[in-house]
Amino acid sequence: MRYELLEHTADLAVRVRGADLPELLANIAWAMVDLMADAGSVALSESREVAVSGESLEELIVAWANEVLFRFETETLLLPAVEHLTVSGLQVRGLLRGERLDRHRHGWKTELKSATYHDLAVRKGSDGWSADLVVDV
Protein backbone atom coordinates (compact mmCIF):
# COMPACT_ATOMS: atom_id res chain seq x y z
CA MET A 1 0.00 0.00 0.00
CA ARG A 2 1.49 3.33 -1.06
CA TYR A 3 -0.55 5.42 1.39
CA GLU A 4 -3.49 5.37 3.76
CA LEU A 5 -5.89 8.07 4.90
CA LEU A 6 -5.60 9.20 8.52
CA GLU A 7 -8.29 10.74 10.68
CA HIS A 8 -8.19 14.54 10.56
CA THR A 9 -10.79 17.12 11.52
CA ALA A 10 -10.68 19.64 8.66
CA ASP A 11 -8.10 18.71 6.03
CA LEU A 12 -6.85 15.49 4.47
CA ALA A 13 -4.13 13.54 6.27
CA VAL A 14 -2.21 10.61 4.83
CA ARG A 15 0.49 8.21 5.91
CA VAL A 16 2.76 7.42 2.98
CA ARG A 17 5.24 4.53 3.05
CA GLY A 18 8.31 3.50 1.09
CA ALA A 19 11.10 0.95 1.40
CA ASP A 20 13.63 3.76 1.03
CA LEU A 21 13.58 7.55 0.71
CA PRO A 22 13.25 7.58 -3.12
CA GLU A 23 10.28 5.20 -2.93
CA LEU A 24 8.71 7.31 -0.18
CA LEU A 25 8.98 10.40 -2.40
CA ALA A 26 7.57 8.53 -5.40
CA ASN A 27 4.65 7.36 -3.28
CA ILE A 28 4.05 10.91 -2.04
CA ALA A 29 3.68 12.04 -5.68
CA TRP A 30 1.24 9.16 -6.27
CA ALA A 31 -0.74 10.01 -3.13
CA MET A 32 -1.05 13.72 -4.00
CA VAL A 33 -2.50 12.85 -7.39
CA ASP A 34 -4.64 9.99 -6.09
CA LEU A 35 -6.25 12.28 -3.52
CA MET A 36 -7.40 14.51 -6.38
CA ALA A 37 -8.25 11.85 -8.99
CA ASP A 38 -7.73 8.17 -9.78
CA ALA A 39 -3.94 8.06 -10.18
CA GLY A 40 -4.16 4.61 -11.75
CA SER A 41 -6.12 6.01 -14.70
CA VAL A 42 -3.46 8.58 -15.62
CA ALA A 43 -1.49 7.88 -18.81
CA LEU A 44 2.21 8.70 -18.76
CA SER A 45 2.21 10.84 -21.90
CA GLU A 46 3.88 13.99 -20.53
CA SER A 47 6.87 14.54 -18.29
CA ARG A 48 8.43 17.34 -16.30
CA GLU A 49 11.92 17.50 -14.85
CA VAL A 50 11.85 18.64 -11.25
CA ALA A 51 14.43 19.59 -8.67
CA VAL A 52 13.48 20.26 -5.07
CA SER A 53 15.56 20.98 -1.99
CA GLY A 54 15.01 21.69 1.67
CA GLU A 55 16.84 22.74 4.79
CA SER A 56 15.59 19.62 6.59
CA LEU A 57 14.06 16.29 5.64
CA GLU A 58 10.65 17.61 6.68
CA GLU A 59 11.05 20.68 4.49
CA LEU A 60 12.11 18.47 1.58
CA ILE A 61 9.01 16.26 1.98
CA VAL A 62 6.65 19.25 2.03
CA ALA A 63 8.44 20.92 -0.90
CA TRP A 64 8.24 17.71 -2.96
CA ALA A 65 4.51 17.26 -2.30
CA ASN A 66 3.89 20.92 -3.11
CA GLU A 67 5.84 20.62 -6.38
CA VAL A 68 3.37 17.95 -7.54
CA LEU A 69 0.48 20.23 -6.53
CA PHE A 70 2.13 23.26 -8.18
CA ARG A 71 2.36 21.40 -11.50
CA PHE A 72 -1.34 20.63 -11.25
CA GLU A 73 -2.23 24.21 -10.33
CA THR A 74 -0.16 25.81 -13.10
CA GLU A 75 -0.46 23.24 -15.91
CA THR A 76 -3.45 21.07 -14.91
CA LEU A 77 -1.07 18.10 -14.97
CA LEU A 78 -1.66 14.99 -12.92
CA LEU A 79 1.86 13.60 -12.39
CA PRO A 80 1.69 10.43 -10.27
CA ALA A 81 4.69 8.58 -11.72
CA VAL A 82 8.31 9.26 -10.87
CA GLU A 83 11.35 8.17 -12.89
CA HIS A 84 15.10 8.66 -12.56
CA LEU A 85 14.74 9.91 -8.99
CA THR A 86 17.98 10.78 -7.23
CA VAL A 87 18.27 11.95 -3.66
CA SER A 88 21.51 13.65 -2.66
CA GLY A 89 21.49 14.99 0.86
CA LEU A 90 18.48 17.28 1.03
CA GLN A 91 18.09 17.63 -2.74
CA VAL A 92 15.85 15.61 -5.05
CA ARG A 93 15.91 15.47 -8.83
CA GLY A 94 13.71 13.40 -11.06
CA LEU A 95 11.14 13.15 -13.77
CA LEU A 96 7.43 13.39 -12.97
CA ARG A 97 5.19 11.71 -15.55
CA GLY A 98 1.48 11.88 -16.25
CA GLU A 99 -1.03 13.82 -18.30
CA ARG A 100 -3.47 16.71 -18.26
CA LEU A 101 -6.60 16.31 -16.19
CA ASP A 102 -9.71 14.87 -17.83
CA ARG A 103 -12.28 15.16 -15.02
CA HIS A 104 -14.45 12.32 -16.34
CA ARG A 105 -11.79 9.80 -17.30
CA HIS A 106 -9.67 10.45 -14.21
CA GLY A 107 -12.55 10.27 -11.73
CA TRP A 108 -12.09 13.76 -10.28
CA LYS A 109 -12.35 13.90 -6.47
CA THR A 110 -11.16 17.27 -5.13
CA GLU A 111 -8.54 19.95 -5.55
CA LEU A 112 -5.74 20.18 -3.01
CA LYS A 113 -4.26 23.53 -1.97
CA SER A 114 -0.95 22.61 -0.35
CA ALA A 115 0.92 20.19 1.83
CA THR A 116 1.56 21.62 5.30
CA TYR A 117 3.90 21.21 8.26
CA HIS A 118 0.93 20.63 10.58
CA ASP A 119 1.34 17.22 12.31
CA LEU A 120 4.12 16.35 9.85
CA ALA A 121 6.08 13.29 10.92
CA VAL A 122 8.83 11.56 8.94
CA ARG A 123 10.18 8.29 10.30
CA LYS A 124 12.75 5.72 9.28
CA GLY A 125 12.15 2.28 10.77
CA SER A 126 13.29 -1.28 10.27
CA ASP A 127 10.59 -1.76 7.61
CA GLY A 128 11.38 1.44 5.67
CA TRP A 129 10.23 5.04 5.68
CA SER A 130 6.89 6.66 6.45
CA ALA A 131 5.60 10.21 6.39
CA ASP A 132 2.40 11.58 7.93
CA LEU A 133 1.34 14.56 5.86
CA VAL A 134 -1.61 16.94 6.19
CA VAL A 135 -2.88 18.60 3.02
CA ASP A 136 -5.12 21.68 2.85
CA VAL A 137 -8.22 21.16 0.74
C-alpha atoms as a PDB file:
ATOM      1  CA  MET A   1       0.000   0.000   0.000  1.00  0.00           C
ATOM      2  CA  ARG A   2       1.487   3.334  -1.058  1.00  0.00           C
ATOM      3  CA  TYR A   3      -0.546   5.417   1.386  1.00  0.00           C
ATOM      4  CA  GLU A   4      -3.491   5.368   3.757  1.00  0.00           C
ATOM      5  CA  LEU A   5      -5.885   8.066   4.904  1.00  0.00           C
ATOM      6  CA  LEU A   6      -5.602   9.200   8.518  1.00  0.00           C
ATOM      7  CA  GLU A   7      -8.287  10.745  10.681  1.00  0.00           C
ATOM      8  CA  HIS A   8      -8.194  14.544  10.558  1.00  0.00           C
ATOM      9  CA  THR A   9     -10.793  17.123  11.516  1.00  0.00           C
ATOM     10  CA  ALA A  10     -10.680  19.641   8.663  1.00  0.00           C
ATOM     11  CA  ASP A  11      -8.105  18.712   6.034  1.00  0.00           C
ATOM     12  CA  LEU A  12      -6.848  15.488   4.475  1.00  0.00           C
ATOM     13  CA  ALA A  13      -4.125  13.544   6.271  1.00  0.00           C
ATOM     14  CA  VAL A  14      -2.207  10.606   4.827  1.00  0.00           C
ATOM     15  CA  ARG A  15       0.493   8.211   5.905  1.00  0.00           C
ATOM     16  CA  VAL A  16       2.761   7.416   2.980  1.00  0.00           C
ATOM     17  CA  ARG A  17       5.243   4.533   3.053  1.00  0.00           C
ATOM     18  CA  GLY A  18       8.306   3.496   1.087  1.00  0.00           C
ATOM     19  CA  ALA A  19      11.100   0.952   1.404  1.00  0.00           C
ATOM     20  CA  ASP A  20      13.630   3.758   1.031  1.00  0.00           C
ATOM     21  CA  LEU A  21      13.584   7.550   0.706  1.00  0.00           C
ATOM     22  CA  PRO A  22      13.248   7.585  -3.119  1.00  0.00           C
ATOM     23  CA  GLU A  23      10.285   5.197  -2.926  1.00  0.00           C
ATOM     24  CA  LEU A  24       8.713   7.314  -0.184  1.00  0.00           C
ATOM     25  CA  LEU A  25       8.983  10.403  -2.399  1.00  0.00           C
ATOM     26  CA  ALA A  26       7.573   8.528  -5.398  1.00  0.00           C
ATOM     27  CA  ASN A  27       4.652   7.361  -3.277  1.00  0.00           C
ATOM     28  CA  ILE A  28       4.048  10.909  -2.036  1.00  0.00           C
ATOM     29  CA  ALA A  29       3.680  12.036  -5.675  1.00  0.00           C
ATOM     30  CA  TRP A  30       1.241   9.156  -6.274  1.00  0.00           C
ATOM     31  CA  ALA A  31      -0.742  10.012  -3.131  1.00  0.00           C
ATOM     32  CA  MET A  32      -1.047  13.720  -3.997  1.00  0.00           C
ATOM     33  CA  VAL A  33      -2.502  12.847  -7.392  1.00  0.00           C
ATOM     34  CA  ASP A  34      -4.639   9.991  -6.092  1.00  0.00           C
ATOM     35  CA  LEU A  35      -6.250  12.277  -3.516  1.00  0.00           C
ATOM     36  CA  MET A  36      -7.399  14.514  -6.383  1.00  0.00           C
ATOM     37  CA  ALA A  37      -8.253  11.849  -8.994  1.00  0.00           C
ATOM     38  CA  ASP A  38      -7.731   8.165  -9.776  1.00  0.00           C
ATOM     39  CA  ALA A  39      -3.941   8.064 -10.185  1.00  0.00           C
ATOM     40  CA  GLY A  40      -4.164   4.606 -11.750  1.00  0.00           C
ATOM     41  CA  SER A  41      -6.120   6.011 -14.700  1.00  0.00           C
ATOM     42  CA  VAL A  42      -3.456   8.582 -15.622  1.00  0.00           C
ATOM     43  CA  ALA A  43      -1.494   7.885 -18.815  1.00  0.00           C
ATOM     44  CA  LEU A  44       2.212   8.702 -18.761  1.00  0.00           C
ATOM     45  CA  SER A  45       2.209  10.838 -21.898  1.00  0.00           C
ATOM     46  CA  GLU A  46       3.881  13.989 -20.526  1.00  0.00           C
ATOM     47  CA  SER A  47       6.875  14.539 -18.293  1.00  0.00           C
ATOM     48  CA  ARG A  48       8.429  17.344 -16.296  1.00  0.00           C
ATOM     49  CA  GLU A  49      11.917  17.496 -14.851  1.00  0.00           C
ATOM     50  CA  VAL A  50      11.847  18.637 -11.251  1.00  0.00           C
ATOM     51  CA  ALA A  51      14.434  19.586  -8.675  1.00  0.00           C
ATOM     52  CA  VAL A  52      13.479  20.262  -5.068  1.00  0.00           C
ATOM     53  CA  SER A  53      15.560  20.975  -1.990  1.00  0.00           C
ATOM     54  CA  GLY A  54      15.011  21.692   1.669  1.00  0.00           C
ATOM     55  CA  GLU A  55      16.844  22.743   4.792  1.00  0.00           C
ATOM     56  CA  SER A  56      15.591  19.620   6.589  1.00  0.00           C
ATOM     57  CA  LEU A  57      14.058  16.294   5.638  1.00  0.00           C
ATOM     58  CA  GLU A  58      10.648  17.609   6.684  1.00  0.00           C
ATOM     59  CA  GLU A  59      11.051  20.679   4.489  1.00  0.00           C
ATOM     60  CA  LEU A  60      12.112  18.472   1.582  1.00  0.00           C
ATOM     61  CA  ILE A  61       9.014  16.260   1.975  1.00  0.00           C
ATOM     62  CA  VAL A  62       6.650  19.255   2.028  1.00  0.00           C
ATOM     63  CA  ALA A  63       8.440  20.924  -0.904  1.00  0.00           C
ATOM     64  CA  TRP A  64       8.237  17.707  -2.957  1.00  0.00           C
ATOM     65  CA  ALA A  65       4.507  17.256  -2.302  1.00  0.00           C
ATOM     66  CA  ASN A  66       3.888  20.919  -3.113  1.00  0.00           C
ATOM     67  CA  GLU A  67       5.842  20.617  -6.383  1.00  0.00           C
ATOM     68  CA  VAL A  68       3.373  17.950  -7.539  1.00  0.00           C
ATOM     69  CA  LEU A  69       0.477  20.230  -6.533  1.00  0.00           C
ATOM     70  CA  PHE A  70       2.134  23.259  -8.176  1.00  0.00           C
ATOM     71  CA  ARG A  71       2.358  21.404 -11.505  1.00  0.00           C
ATOM     72  CA  PHE A  72      -1.341  20.631 -11.254  1.00  0.00           C
ATOM     73  CA  GLU A  73      -2.233  24.211 -10.332  1.00  0.00           C
ATOM     74  CA  THR A  74      -0.164  25.811 -13.102  1.00  0.00           C
ATOM     75  CA  GLU A  75      -0.459  23.240 -15.910  1.00  0.00           C
ATOM     76  CA  THR A  76      -3.452  21.066 -14.914  1.00  0.00           C
ATOM     77  CA  LEU A  77      -1.072  18.099 -14.970  1.00  0.00           C
ATOM     78  CA  LEU A  78      -1.657  14.987 -12.918  1.00  0.00           C
ATOM     79  CA  LEU A  79       1.859  13.601 -12.386  1.00  0.00           C
ATOM     80  CA  PRO A  80       1.685  10.428 -10.272  1.00  0.00           C
ATOM     81  CA  ALA A  81       4.687   8.581 -11.719  1.00  0.00           C
ATOM     82  CA  VAL A  82       8.315   9.256 -10.865  1.00  0.00           C
ATOM     83  CA  GLU A  83      11.351   8.172 -12.888  1.00  0.00           C
ATOM     84  CA  HIS A  84      15.096   8.665 -12.560  1.00  0.00           C
ATOM     85  CA  LEU A  85      14.740   9.912  -8.995  1.00  0.00           C
ATOM     86  CA  THR A  86      17.975  10.782  -7.230  1.00  0.00           C
ATOM     87  CA  VAL A  87      18.271  11.949  -3.664  1.00  0.00           C
ATOM     88  CA  SER A  88      21.507  13.654  -2.662  1.00  0.00           C
ATOM     89  CA  GLY A  89      21.493  14.991   0.864  1.00  0.00           C
ATOM     90  CA  LEU A  90      18.476  17.278   1.033  1.00  0.00           C
ATOM     91  CA  GLN A  91      18.091  17.629  -2.738  1.00  0.00           C
ATOM     92  CA  VAL A  92      15.852  15.606  -5.048  1.00  0.00           C
ATOM     93  CA  ARG A  93      15.906  15.466  -8.826  1.00  0.00           C
ATOM     94  CA  GLY A  94      13.713  13.402 -11.059  1.00  0.00           C
ATOM     95  CA  LEU A  95      11.144  13.145 -13.766  1.00  0.00           C
ATOM     96  CA  LEU A  96       7.432  13.388 -12.970  1.00  0.00           C
ATOM     97  CA  ARG A  97       5.188  11.710 -15.553  1.00  0.00           C
ATOM     98  CA  GLY A  98       1.480  11.882 -16.246  1.00  0.00           C
ATOM     99  CA  GLU A  99      -1.031  13.817 -18.298  1.00  0.00           C
ATOM    100  CA  ARG A 100      -3.469  16.715 -18.258  1.00  0.00           C
ATOM    101  CA  LEU A 101      -6.604  16.313 -16.193  1.00  0.00           C
ATOM    102  CA  ASP A 102      -9.707  14.869 -17.833  1.00  0.00           C
ATOM    103  CA  ARG A 103     -12.277  15.155 -15.022  1.00  0.00           C
ATOM    104  CA  HIS A 104     -14.450  12.322 -16.336  1.00  0.00           C
ATOM    105  CA  ARG A 105     -11.786   9.799 -17.299  1.00  0.00           C
ATOM    106  CA  HIS A 106      -9.665  10.450 -14.206  1.00  0.00           C
ATOM    107  CA  GLY A 107     -12.551  10.270 -11.735  1.00  0.00           C
ATOM    108  CA  TRP A 108     -12.094  13.763 -10.284  1.00  0.00           C
ATOM    109  CA  LYS A 109     -12.353  13.897  -6.470  1.00  0.00           C
ATOM    110  CA  THR A 110     -11.165  17.267  -5.125  1.00  0.00           C
ATOM    111  CA  GLU A 111      -8.535  19.951  -5.554  1.00  0.00           C
ATOM    112  CA  LEU A 112      -5.736  20.176  -3.007  1.00  0.00           C
ATOM    113  CA  LYS A 113      -4.262  23.530  -1.968  1.00  0.00           C
ATOM    114  CA  SER A 114      -0.951  22.614  -0.353  1.00  0.00           C
ATOM    115  CA  ALA A 115       0.924  20.186   1.834  1.00  0.00           C
ATOM    116  CA  THR A 116       1.562  21.620   5.301  1.00  0.00           C
ATOM    117  CA  TYR A 117       3.896  21.215   8.261  1.00  0.00           C
ATOM    118  CA  HIS A 118       0.928  20.633  10.582  1.00  0.00           C
ATOM    119  CA  ASP A 119       1.337  17.223  12.307  1.00  0.00           C
ATOM    120  CA  LEU A 120       4.119  16.351   9.854  1.00  0.00           C
ATOM    121  CA  ALA A 121       6.077  13.289  10.924  1.00  0.00           C
ATOM    122  CA  VAL A 122       8.828  11.565   8.944  1.00  0.00           C
ATOM    123  CA  ARG A 123      10.176   8.289  10.298  1.00  0.00           C
ATOM    124  CA  LYS A 124      12.752   5.717   9.277  1.00  0.00           C
ATOM    125  CA  GLY A 125      12.151   2.276  10.766  1.00  0.00           C
ATOM    126  CA  SER A 126      13.291  -1.277  10.266  1.00  0.00           C
ATOM    127  CA  ASP A 127      10.587  -1.760   7.606  1.00  0.00           C
ATOM    128  CA  GLY A 128      11.380   1.436   5.666  1.00  0.00           C
ATOM    129  CA  TRP A 129      10.229   5.036   5.682  1.00  0.00           C
ATOM    130  CA  SER A 130       6.891   6.660   6.449  1.00  0.00           C
ATOM    131  CA  ALA A 131       5.601  10.212   6.395  1.00  0.00           C
ATOM    132  CA  ASP A 132       2.402  11.576   7.925  1.00  0.00           C
ATOM    133  CA  LEU A 133       1.340  14.557   5.855  1.00  0.00           C
ATOM    134  CA  VAL A 134      -1.614  16.942   6.190  1.00  0.00           C
ATOM    135  CA  VAL A 135      -2.883  18.602   3.016  1.00  0.00           C
ATOM    136  CA  ASP A 136      -5.119  21.679   2.849  1.00  0.00           C
ATOM    137  CA  VAL A 137      -8.221  21.157   0.736  1.00  0.00           C
END
